[in-house]
Amino acid sequence: MYHSSGMDYSRDTGTVLIPTRFVWPYGGRSVYICGSFTGWTQWPMTPVEGCPTVFQTICSLPPGYHQYKFVVDGEWRHDEHQPYITGNFGSVNTVLLARESDYLPPMLSPQIPPGSNMDVDNEASQRLVRVSDGGILELDLDISRQRISGFLSTHTAYELLPRTGKVIALDVDLPVKQAFHILHEQGIPMAPLWDFCKGRFVGVLSALDFILIMKELGNHGSHLTEEELDSHTISAWKEAKSYANRQSNDGARTGPRQLVHVGPDDNLKEVALKILENGVATVPIIHGSTKDESYPQLLHLASLSDVLQSICRYLRYSLGSLPVLQLPVCAIPLGTWVPKIGESNRLPLAMLKPSASLSEALNLLVQAQVSSIPIVDDNNSLLDVYSRSDITALAKDKSYAKIKLEELTIHRALQLSEEPYSPYGLSQQRCHMCLPTDPIHKIMERLSKPGVRRLVIVEAGSKRVEGIVTLSDIFRFLLG
């Protein structure tokens, strides 16, 4: 017989053979498999790359019932976590392979180890560890996460620093209105805050701050007028915001939120986890002061996109060893999806029509704690996306003083945010889309591009919105 990817056929009989993966995930120095299909002779198993405690081999078997067990460091063993019976050879595991008509072509697993005469395919684990109809395997997922986690843990934030470029920081004594005008002109959604009196970075001013300010201006009971906004400083706004937070927490002394940052020697896993755990878009990379430097140095604003670029470069020539990343996005629990009929357990995906008011959009961005909202037509086909950073466009020409949030439509607000150029080489395309059938590694590549923080999952042809996947979704999936 011979072996290939997918189903095999015996040269002599024409019998269909199914490449079947057997796994021993419990360690050992040498591991063999014996079974009814080997004549109970020992066939070697090889460690999985990047996971030396997991051994695997692929055997091409005819459909039907088979028995097998393992020889680990010279001792007969069986996997107690898989089906087993007691027979002539003691306790043995069992596997029942489907008939040809029931066979579903599997995704490819890691490449064939040197010297192995077994084809590598993960159909075997269909019986043993498959956890969803889409084809994701617990073992493959664990292996993929371990390899990516190992890569992130051995590379540092220093590697994220660009060769050229500039980083913008804002003085806390700068007027709020001027600060947001700078954010808009520079095409950035946020900037670190520097306090000269304290000699350190004390926080970040983001588009969310401007959203909250706009909502306060729209509140008739607000004590902050448009004129005051011209002279109201960032520090005054932050203090007022901190006071409001304490009041909303029944007087609890929460204090101002501390600046989340990393150092150049922190590893990439720490960078990603800090962003995820604190719900921020970026973290400043700050080099602490030394004997020769009186102030800390702001080196870069690190984002999940930066980290994902590093992962994609690492995976460029080793995708075959991470089969989970070859699965379509619709096959795994990733992203936020429009609930289907009967799926009452899914949260609805926030979407708005272009005729909705800007006030509705801002309320939804804050209450749903999302960074963007798909804008759709009456058939839920994608037209545009309104994101938090779009709000800074209202700083241009003092537009915020001329509008009423309840009367300005999202369509008009998006027109105000259109620019003829894109600073810093960020993508000018507003709607970044993908299909439900796109593989995870392709989605990772698109999300790793500068300026792309999310992909709207649409139906082919109609562009009907089916879901949305973000950078945060990818990292929560990869890091478990």
Protein backbone atom coordinates (compact mmCIF):
# COMPACT_ATOMS: atom_id res chain seq x y z
CA MET A 1 0.00 0.00 0.00
CA TYR A 2 1.03 3.66 -0.33
CA HIS A 3 0.22 6.80 1.58
CA SER A 4 -0.97 10.27 0.53
CA SER A 5 -2.90 13.23 1.94
CA GLY A 6 -6.57 12.33 2.23
CA MET A 7 -7.94 8.86 1.46
CA ASP A 8 -5.60 6.12 0.16
CA TYR A 9 -6.29 3.00 -1.84
CA SER A 10 -4.60 -0.38 -1.57
CA ARG A 11 -2.85 -1.20 -4.86
CA ASP A 12 -3.86 -4.84 -4.60
CA THR A 13 -7.52 -4.67 -3.55
CA GLY A 14 -8.64 -1.07 -4.20
CA THR A 15 -9.77 -0.82 -0.57
CA VAL A 16 -10.26 2.72 0.67
CA LEU A 17 -7.69 3.60 3.38
CA ILE A 18 -8.22 6.50 5.77
CA PRO A 19 -5.13 8.34 7.10
CA THR A 20 -5.68 8.17 10.84
CA ARG A 21 -3.68 10.11 13.42
CA PHE A 22 -2.90 8.50 16.78
CA VAL A 23 -1.71 10.66 19.65
CA TRP A 24 0.02 9.96 22.97
CA PRO A 25 -0.03 13.32 24.87
CA TYR A 26 1.44 12.13 28.18
CA GLY A 27 5.20 12.31 27.58
CA GLY A 28 7.95 9.71 27.59
CA ARG A 29 11.38 9.17 26.03
CA SER A 30 10.29 6.66 23.35
CA VAL A 31 6.72 5.86 22.31
CA TYR A 32 5.42 3.18 19.94
CA ILE A 33 1.94 2.14 18.83
CA CYS A 34 0.79 -1.46 18.44
CA GLY A 35 -2.56 -2.50 17.04
CA SER A 36 -4.67 -4.94 15.10
CA PHE A 37 -3.63 -2.98 12.00
CA THR A 38 0.13 -3.49 12.69
CA GLY A 39 -0.13 -7.18 13.52
CA TRP A 40 0.60 -6.02 17.08
CA THR A 41 4.15 -5.10 16.10
CA GLN A 42 5.59 -1.80 17.34
CA TRP A 43 5.45 1.27 15.06
CA PRO A 44 7.39 4.37 16.19
CA MET A 45 5.67 7.65 17.12
CA THR A 46 7.42 11.02 16.85
CA PRO A 47 7.26 14.12 19.09
CA VAL A 48 5.22 17.03 17.76
CA GLU A 49 7.40 20.01 16.82
CA GLY A 50 7.35 22.57 19.61
CA CYS A 51 5.57 20.17 21.99
CA PRO A 52 8.01 17.40 23.01
CA THR A 53 5.60 15.71 25.43
CA VAL A 54 3.09 14.92 22.67
CA PHE A 55 3.80 11.99 20.31
CA GLN A 56 1.91 11.20 17.13
CA THR A 57 1.90 8.96 14.07
CA ILE A 58 -0.38 8.44 11.09
CA CYS A 59 -1.58 5.03 9.97
CA SER A 60 -3.64 4.46 6.82
CA LEU A 61 -6.44 2.13 7.88
CA PRO A 62 -9.48 0.60 6.17
CA PRO A 63 -12.91 1.59 7.52
CA GLY A 64 -14.04 -0.56 10.43
CA TYR A 65 -13.26 -1.43 14.04
CA HIS A 66 -9.63 -1.42 15.27
CA GLN A 67 -7.84 -2.00 18.58
CA TYR A 68 -4.52 -0.51 19.66
CA LYS A 69 -2.31 0.37 22.62
CA PHE A 70 1.00 2.10 23.27
CA VAL A 71 4.48 1.10 24.41
CA VAL A 72 5.94 3.96 26.45
CA ASP A 73 9.55 3.59 27.60
CA GLY A 74 9.20 -0.18 27.27
CA GLU A 75 5.89 -0.46 29.17
CA TRP A 76 2.47 -1.34 27.70
CA ARG A 77 0.03 1.55 28.19
CA HIS A 78 -3.44 2.59 27.04
CA ASP A 79 -5.05 6.03 27.02
CA GLU A 80 -7.62 6.07 29.81
CA HIS A 81 -9.20 9.24 28.39
CA GLN A 82 -10.21 7.45 25.16
CA PRO A 83 -12.59 4.48 24.62
CA TYR A 84 -11.03 1.18 25.73
CA ILE A 85 -11.97 -2.42 26.46
CA THR A 86 -10.30 -5.47 28.05
CA GLY A 87 -9.28 -8.13 25.52
CA ASN A 88 -6.63 -10.69 24.72
CA PHE A 89 -3.92 -8.02 24.97
CA GLY A 90 -5.16 -6.53 28.24
CA SER A 91 -6.77 -3.09 28.22
CA VAL A 92 -6.71 -1.69 24.69
CA ASN A 93 -8.10 1.46 23.09
CA THR A 94 -10.58 1.21 20.26
CA VAL A 95 -11.44 3.27 17.19
CA LEU A 96 -14.28 2.86 14.70
CA LEU A 97 -13.57 4.54 11.35
CA ALA A 98 -16.41 5.72 9.14
CA ARG A 99 -17.38 4.13 5.84
CA GLU A 100 -16.23 5.84 2.64
CA SER A 101 -19.62 7.52 2.19
CA ASP A 102 -19.32 9.10 5.65
CA TYR A 103 -15.75 10.27 5.20
CA LEU A 104 -15.11 14.00 5.31
CA PRO A 105 -11.76 15.18 3.85
CA PRO A 106 -9.74 16.54 6.78
CA MET A 107 -7.50 19.56 7.19
CA LEU A 108 -3.76 18.95 6.93
CA SER A 109 -1.73 18.54 10.10
CA PRO A 110 2.00 19.13 10.68
CA GLN A 111 4.42 18.05 7.99
CA ILE A 112 5.79 14.51 7.78
CA PRO A 113 8.65 13.96 10.21
CA PRO A 114 11.96 12.85 8.66
CA GLY A 115 12.20 9.11 8.19
CA SER A 116 8.51 8.48 8.78
CA ASN A 117 6.58 6.32 6.32
CA MET A 118 3.27 7.64 7.68
CA ASP A 119 1.23 10.36 6.06
CA VAL A 120 0.30 13.23 8.36
CA ASP A 121 -3.39 13.97 8.54
CA ASN A 122 -5.65 14.73 11.49
CA GLU A 123 -8.64 12.56 10.56
CA ALA A 124 -7.65 10.26 13.41
CA SER A 125 -8.43 12.85 16.04
CA GLN A 126 -11.88 13.28 14.53
CA ARG A 127 -12.86 10.33 16.69
CA LEU A 128 -10.70 11.21 19.65
CA VAL A 129 -10.57 14.94 20.29
CA ARG A 130 -12.74 16.77 17.76
CA VAL A 131 -14.83 19.36 19.61
CA SER A 132 -16.90 20.91 16.82
CA ASP A 133 -18.37 19.97 13.48
CA GLY A 134 -16.20 22.61 11.84
CA GLY A 135 -13.11 20.51 12.49
CA ILE A 136 -11.23 22.24 15.33
CA LEU A 137 -9.22 19.81 17.46
CA GLU A 138 -8.41 20.34 21.12
CA LEU A 139 -4.94 18.91 20.68
CA ASP A 140 -4.21 20.97 17.56
CA LEU A 141 -5.48 24.07 19.35
CA ASP A 142 -3.28 23.40 22.38
CA ILE A 143 -0.23 22.81 20.20
CA SER A 144 -0.86 26.00 18.20
CA ARG A 145 -1.32 28.05 21.36
CA GLN A 146 1.84 26.62 22.94
CA ARG A 147 3.95 27.42 19.89
CA ILE A 148 2.64 30.96 19.57
CA SER A 149 2.91 31.56 23.31
CA GLY A 150 6.48 30.27 23.23
CA PHE A 151 7.34 32.65 20.40
CA LEU A 152 5.79 35.66 22.14
CA SER A 153 7.54 34.83 25.42
CA THR A 154 10.98 34.81 23.81
CA HIS A 155 10.69 38.08 21.86
CA THR A 156 10.65 41.56 23.36
CA ALA A 157 8.85 44.86 22.86
CA TYR A 158 12.15 46.30 21.63
CA GLU A 159 11.60 44.39 18.39
CA LEU A 160 8.41 46.41 17.76
CA LEU A 161 10.27 49.71 17.48
CA PRO A 162 10.16 51.08 13.92
CA ARG A 163 13.38 52.10 12.21
CA THR A 164 12.05 55.62 11.64
CA GLY A 165 9.07 57.65 12.73
CA LYS A 166 7.87 59.87 15.53
CA VAL A 167 5.75 59.48 18.63
CA ILE A 168 3.44 62.30 19.72
CA ALA A 169 2.81 63.07 23.39
CA LEU A 170 0.54 65.81 24.75
CA ASP A 171 1.11 68.16 27.67
CA VAL A 172 -1.62 67.73 30.32
CA ASP A 173 -1.96 71.54 30.43
CA LEU A 174 -2.93 71.67 26.75
CA PRO A 175 -6.55 72.76 26.06
CA VAL A 176 -8.79 69.79 25.27
CA LYS A 177 -10.06 71.31 22.03
CA GLN A 178 -6.51 71.87 20.76
CA ALA A 179 -5.49 68.36 21.79
CA PHE A 180 -8.23 66.75 19.73
CA HIS A 181 -7.42 68.96 16.79
CA ILE A 182 -3.86 67.57 16.97
CA LEU A 183 -5.15 63.99 17.10
CA HIS A 184 -7.26 64.60 14.01
CA GLU A 185 -4.53 66.39 12.05
CA GLN A 186 -1.97 63.69 12.84
CA GLY A 187 -4.42 60.87 12.07
CA ILE A 188 -3.95 59.13 15.43
CA PRO A 189 -6.71 57.95 17.81
CA MET A 190 -4.82 58.64 21.05
CA ALA A 191 -1.67 60.08 22.59
CA PRO A 192 0.22 59.67 25.91
CA LEU A 193 0.01 62.56 28.39
CA TRP A 194 3.13 64.18 29.86
CA ASP A 195 3.13 66.05 33.17
CA PHE A 196 6.13 68.38 33.41
CA CYS A 197 5.58 69.00 37.12
CA LYS A 198 5.75 65.28 37.89
CA GLY A 199 8.36 64.53 35.23
CA ARG A 200 6.54 61.46 33.93
CA PHE A 201 3.81 60.17 31.67
CA VAL A 202 0.54 60.10 33.54
CA GLY A 203 -2.09 58.77 31.16
CA VAL A 204 -3.54 58.72 27.66
CA LEU A 205 -6.01 60.97 25.86
CA SER A 206 -8.14 58.93 23.48
CA ALA A 207 -11.09 59.26 21.13
CA LEU A 208 -13.28 57.88 23.92
CA ASP A 209 -12.54 61.03 25.95
CA PHE A 210 -13.79 63.16 23.06
CA ILE A 211 -16.94 61.01 22.80
CA LEU A 212 -17.65 61.58 26.49
CA ILE A 213 -17.01 65.31 26.07
CA MET A 214 -19.37 65.48 23.09
CA LYS A 215 -22.04 63.65 25.07
CA GLU A 216 -21.55 66.10 27.94
CA LEU A 217 -21.85 69.07 25.58
CA GLY A 218 -25.05 67.57 24.24
CA ASN A 219 -26.46 67.35 27.73
CA HIS A 220 -28.44 70.50 28.46
CA GLY A 221 -27.50 70.25 32.11
CA SER A 222 -23.78 70.35 31.32
CA HIS A 223 -21.57 72.91 33.04
CA LEU A 224 -19.03 72.68 30.19
CA THR A 225 -19.74 75.18 27.38
CA GLU A 226 -18.12 75.37 23.95
CA GLU A 227 -16.17 78.43 25.09
CA GLU A 228 -14.88 76.60 28.14
CA LEU A 229 -13.82 73.70 25.92
CA ASP A 230 -11.39 76.05 24.16
CA SER A 231 -9.58 76.74 27.45
CA HIS A 232 -10.47 73.60 29.44
CA THR A 233 -7.21 71.68 29.92
CA ILE A 234 -6.66 67.94 29.62
CA SER A 235 -5.75 67.71 33.31
CA ALA A 236 -8.97 69.52 34.29
CA TRP A 237 -11.02 67.15 32.12
CA LYS A 238 -9.29 64.08 33.56
CA GLU A 239 -9.85 65.30 37.13
CA ALA A 240 -13.53 65.96 36.39
CA LYS A 241 -13.87 62.55 34.75
CA SER A 242 -12.20 60.88 37.73
CA TYR A 243 -14.55 62.71 40.11
CA ALA A 244 -17.58 61.61 38.06
CA ASN A 245 -16.37 58.02 38.17
CA ARG A 246 -16.02 58.18 41.96
CA GLN A 247 -19.53 59.61 42.29
CA SER A 248 -20.99 56.90 40.06
CA ASN A 249 -19.31 54.30 42.27
CA ASP A 250 -21.22 55.50 45.35
CA GLY A 251 -18.36 57.66 46.53
CA ALA A 252 -15.77 54.88 46.34
CA ARG A 253 -12.22 56.23 46.17
CA THR A 254 -11.22 54.87 42.79
CA GLY A 255 -8.75 57.62 41.93
CA PRO A 256 -7.42 58.37 38.44
CA ARG A 257 -6.62 55.40 36.26
CA GLN A 258 -2.92 54.58 36.20
CA LEU A 259 -1.04 54.68 32.91
CA VAL A 260 -0.65 51.23 31.40
CA HIS A 261 2.79 50.91 29.81
CA VAL A 262 5.58 48.43 29.08
CA GLY A 263 9.35 48.54 28.90
CA PRO A 264 11.49 47.61 25.88
CA ASP A 265 12.63 44.42 27.63
CA ASP A 266 9.11 43.15 28.35
CA ASN A 267 8.19 40.19 26.17
CA LEU A 268 5.50 40.34 23.50
CA LYS A 269 3.13 38.13 25.46
CA GLU A 270 3.19 40.67 28.30
CA VAL A 271 2.50 43.46 25.80
CA ALA A 272 -0.53 41.64 24.36
CA LEU A 273 -1.93 40.69 27.77
CA LYS A 274 -1.62 44.25 29.09
CA ILE A 275 -3.60 45.55 26.13
CA LEU A 276 -6.28 42.89 26.50
CA GLU A 277 -6.62 43.01 30.28
CA ASN A 278 -6.84 46.81 30.42
CA GLY A 279 -9.12 47.24 27.41
CA VAL A 280 -6.82 49.73 25.67
CA ALA A 281 -5.85 50.00 22.01
CA THR A 282 -2.15 50.69 22.57
CA VAL A 283 0.43 50.75 25.35
CA PRO A 284 3.39 53.16 25.37
CA ILE A 285 6.84 51.55 25.35
CA ILE A 286 8.74 53.67 27.87
CA HIS A 287 12.43 53.42 28.66
CA GLY A 288 12.96 54.35 32.30
CA SER A 289 15.30 57.10 33.41
CA THR A 290 18.99 56.35 34.02
CA LYS A 291 21.89 58.26 35.56
CA ASP A 292 22.43 60.03 32.22
CA GLU A 293 18.76 60.79 31.55
CA SER A 294 16.55 62.95 33.73
CA TYR A 295 13.29 61.89 32.08
CA PRO A 296 11.89 58.59 30.82
CA GLN A 297 11.89 58.15 27.05
CA LEU A 298 8.75 57.42 25.03
CA LEU A 299 9.90 55.00 22.34
CA HIS A 300 6.74 53.78 20.61
CA LEU A 301 3.02 53.12 20.99
CA ALA A 302 2.68 49.35 20.80
CA SER A 303 -0.56 47.84 19.49
CA LEU A 304 -1.92 44.34 18.96
CA SER A 305 -1.38 44.96 15.25
CA ASP A 306 2.38 45.32 15.89
CA VAL A 307 2.47 42.05 17.81
CA LEU A 308 0.38 40.28 15.16
CA GLN A 309 2.83 41.40 12.46
CA SER A 310 5.60 39.64 14.39
CA ILE A 311 3.50 36.47 14.67
CA CYS A 312 2.70 36.49 10.95
CA ARG A 313 6.39 36.84 10.06
CA TYR A 314 7.15 33.92 12.36
CA LEU A 315 4.41 31.75 10.84
CA ARG A 316 5.18 32.59 7.22
CA TYR A 317 7.12 29.39 6.62
CA SER A 318 5.56 27.11 9.24
CA LEU A 319 1.79 27.28 8.69
CA GLY A 320 1.72 23.55 7.96
CA SER A 321 2.61 22.85 11.58
CA LEU A 322 -0.36 24.86 12.89
CA PRO A 323 -3.45 23.32 11.26
CA VAL A 324 -5.87 25.31 13.42
CA LEU A 325 -4.88 28.48 11.54
CA GLN A 326 -5.96 26.87 8.27
CA LEU A 327 -9.54 26.46 9.47
CA PRO A 328 -12.23 28.89 8.27
CA VAL A 329 -13.30 31.59 10.73
CA CYS A 330 -16.85 30.21 10.71
CA ALA A 331 -15.61 26.88 12.12
CA ILE A 332 -14.35 28.17 15.45
CA PRO A 333 -15.68 30.32 18.33
CA LEU A 334 -14.08 33.56 17.19
CA GLY A 335 -15.55 37.05 16.89
CA THR A 336 -19.12 38.31 17.31
CA TRP A 337 -21.78 36.90 14.99
CA VAL A 338 -25.33 37.84 14.06
CA PRO A 339 -27.53 35.33 15.94
CA LYS A 340 -29.25 32.79 13.74
CA ILE A 341 -32.81 31.62 14.25
CA GLY A 342 -33.01 29.68 17.49
CA GLU A 343 -29.68 30.98 18.86
CA SER A 344 -31.03 32.92 21.81
CA ASN A 345 -27.75 32.56 23.71
CA ARG A 346 -25.83 34.87 21.35
CA LEU A 347 -25.56 38.57 22.01
CA PRO A 348 -26.85 40.72 19.13
CA LEU A 349 -24.28 42.38 16.90
CA ALA A 350 -24.60 46.16 17.14
CA MET A 351 -25.50 47.67 13.74
CA LEU A 352 -27.06 50.98 12.67
CA LYS A 353 -28.63 52.50 9.57
CA PRO A 354 -26.99 55.60 8.00
CA SER A 355 -30.08 57.62 8.92
CA ALA A 356 -29.53 56.97 12.65
CA SER A 357 -28.34 59.94 14.69
CA LEU A 358 -24.78 60.45 15.82
CA SER A 359 -26.14 60.49 19.36
CA GLU A 360 -27.34 56.88 18.92
CA ALA A 361 -23.94 55.85 17.58
CA LEU A 362 -22.00 57.46 20.46
CA ASN A 363 -24.33 55.94 23.06
CA LEU A 364 -23.89 52.52 21.47
CA LEU A 365 -20.09 52.83 21.34
CA VAL A 366 -19.98 53.62 25.06
CA GLN A 367 -22.73 51.30 26.35
CA ALA A 368 -21.82 48.26 24.24
CA GLN A 369 -18.10 48.89 24.89
CA VAL A 370 -17.22 48.36 21.22
CA SER A 371 -14.76 50.28 19.09
CA SER A 372 -16.85 50.36 15.91
CA ILE A 373 -20.35 49.85 14.52
CA PRO A 374 -21.19 48.44 11.06
CA ILE A 375 -23.49 50.77 9.11
CA VAL A 376 -25.93 48.76 6.99
CA ASP A 377 -28.88 49.21 4.61
CA ASP A 378 -32.37 47.76 5.03
CA ASN A 379 -31.08 44.32 3.98
CA ASN A 380 -28.23 44.49 6.51
CA SER A 381 -25.70 44.79 3.68
CA LEU A 382 -22.54 46.63 4.72
CA LEU A 383 -22.28 50.29 3.67
CA ASP A 384 -19.67 51.70 6.04
CA VAL A 385 -18.26 51.52 9.57
CA TYR A 386 -18.40 54.18 12.27
CA SER A 387 -15.56 53.87 14.77
CA ARG A 388 -14.52 55.74 17.91
CA SER A 389 -11.66 57.49 16.13
CA ASP A 390 -14.08 59.08 13.63
CA ILE A 391 -15.28 61.42 16.40
CA THR A 392 -12.04 63.43 16.25
CA ALA A 393 -13.12 64.72 12.82
CA LEU A 394 -15.51 67.05 14.68
CA ALA A 395 -12.50 68.92 16.03
CA LYS A 396 -11.82 70.16 12.50
CA ASP A 397 -12.99 73.75 11.99
CA LYS A 398 -14.68 73.57 15.40
CA SER A 399 -17.48 71.44 13.94
CA TYR A 400 -18.52 70.26 17.41
CA ALA A 401 -19.82 73.79 18.18
CA LYS A 402 -22.11 73.81 15.12
CA ILE A 403 -23.94 70.51 15.45
CA LYS A 404 -26.56 68.80 17.56
CA LEU A 405 -25.88 65.11 18.11
CA GLU A 406 -29.57 64.19 17.87
CA GLU A 407 -29.94 65.92 14.49
CA LEU A 408 -26.67 64.93 12.78
CA THR A 409 -27.00 61.62 10.93
CA ILE A 410 -24.24 59.02 10.82
CA HIS A 411 -24.13 59.46 7.04
CA ARG A 412 -23.32 63.16 7.44
CA ALA A 413 -20.89 62.50 10.29
CA LEU A 414 -18.95 60.06 8.10
CA GLN A 415 -18.75 62.68 5.37
CA LEU A 416 -17.14 65.05 7.88
CA SER A 417 -14.48 62.47 8.68
CA GLU A 418 -13.42 61.88 5.07
CA GLU A 419 -9.86 63.02 4.33
CA PRO A 420 -7.99 63.28 1.01
CA TYR A 421 -4.87 61.75 2.51
CA SER A 422 -3.91 59.27 5.17
CA PRO A 423 -1.12 60.21 7.63
CA TYR A 424 1.49 57.68 8.69
CA GLY A 425 0.71 55.42 5.74
CA LEU A 426 -2.43 54.05 7.36
CA SER A 427 -4.95 52.32 5.13
CA GLN A 428 -7.42 54.74 3.55
CA GLN A 429 -9.96 51.98 3.08
CA ARG A 430 -12.69 52.29 5.71
CA CYS A 431 -14.54 48.96 5.36
CA HIS A 432 -12.27 45.97 5.79
CA MET A 433 -14.16 42.76 5.08
CA CYS A 434 -13.69 39.02 5.02
CA LEU A 435 -15.82 35.98 4.19
CA PRO A 436 -16.94 33.30 6.70
CA THR A 437 -14.89 30.77 4.71
CA ASP A 438 -11.61 32.72 4.93
CA PRO A 439 -8.94 30.82 6.91
CA ILE A 440 -7.71 32.21 10.20
CA HIS A 441 -4.17 32.84 8.95
CA LYS A 442 -5.52 35.05 6.13
CA ILE A 443 -7.58 37.03 8.62
CA MET A 444 -4.50 37.43 10.83
CA GLU A 445 -2.51 38.77 7.87
CA ARG A 446 -5.18 41.38 7.09
CA LEU A 447 -5.52 42.47 10.72
CA SER A 448 -1.74 42.86 11.01
CA LYS A 449 -1.76 45.74 8.51
CA PRO A 450 -1.43 49.24 10.04
CA GLY A 451 -4.76 50.93 10.61
CA VAL A 452 -6.85 47.74 10.39
CA ARG A 453 -8.37 46.86 13.78
CA ARG A 454 -11.38 44.80 12.71
CA LEU A 455 -12.84 42.85 9.78
CA VAL A 456 -16.57 42.74 9.08
CA ILE A 457 -17.60 39.20 8.13
CA VAL A 458 -19.97 39.42 5.15
CA GLU A 459 -21.85 37.07 2.89
CA ALA A 460 -20.25 36.74 -0.54
CA GLY A 461 -21.99 38.84 -3.16
CA SER A 462 -24.65 40.54 -1.04
CA LYS A 463 -22.21 41.88 1.61
CA ARG A 464 -24.84 41.00 4.19
CA VAL A 465 -23.20 41.36 7.61
CA GLU A 466 -22.75 38.03 9.39
CA GLY A 467 -20.29 39.02 12.09
CA ILE A 468 -17.20 40.98 13.05
CA VAL A 469 -13.75 39.84 14.15
CA THR A 470 -11.26 42.14 15.87
CA LEU A 471 -7.61 42.11 16.86
CA SER A 472 -8.68 41.45 20.45
CA ASP A 473 -10.71 38.42 19.32
CA ILE A 474 -7.67 36.95 17.56
CA PHE A 475 -5.41 37.32 20.61
CA ARG A 476 -7.99 35.98 23.06
CA PHE A 477 -8.27 32.92 20.82
CA LEU A 478 -4.52 32.47 20.37
CA LEU A 479 -3.63 33.00 24.04
CA GLY A 480 -6.58 31.01 25.37
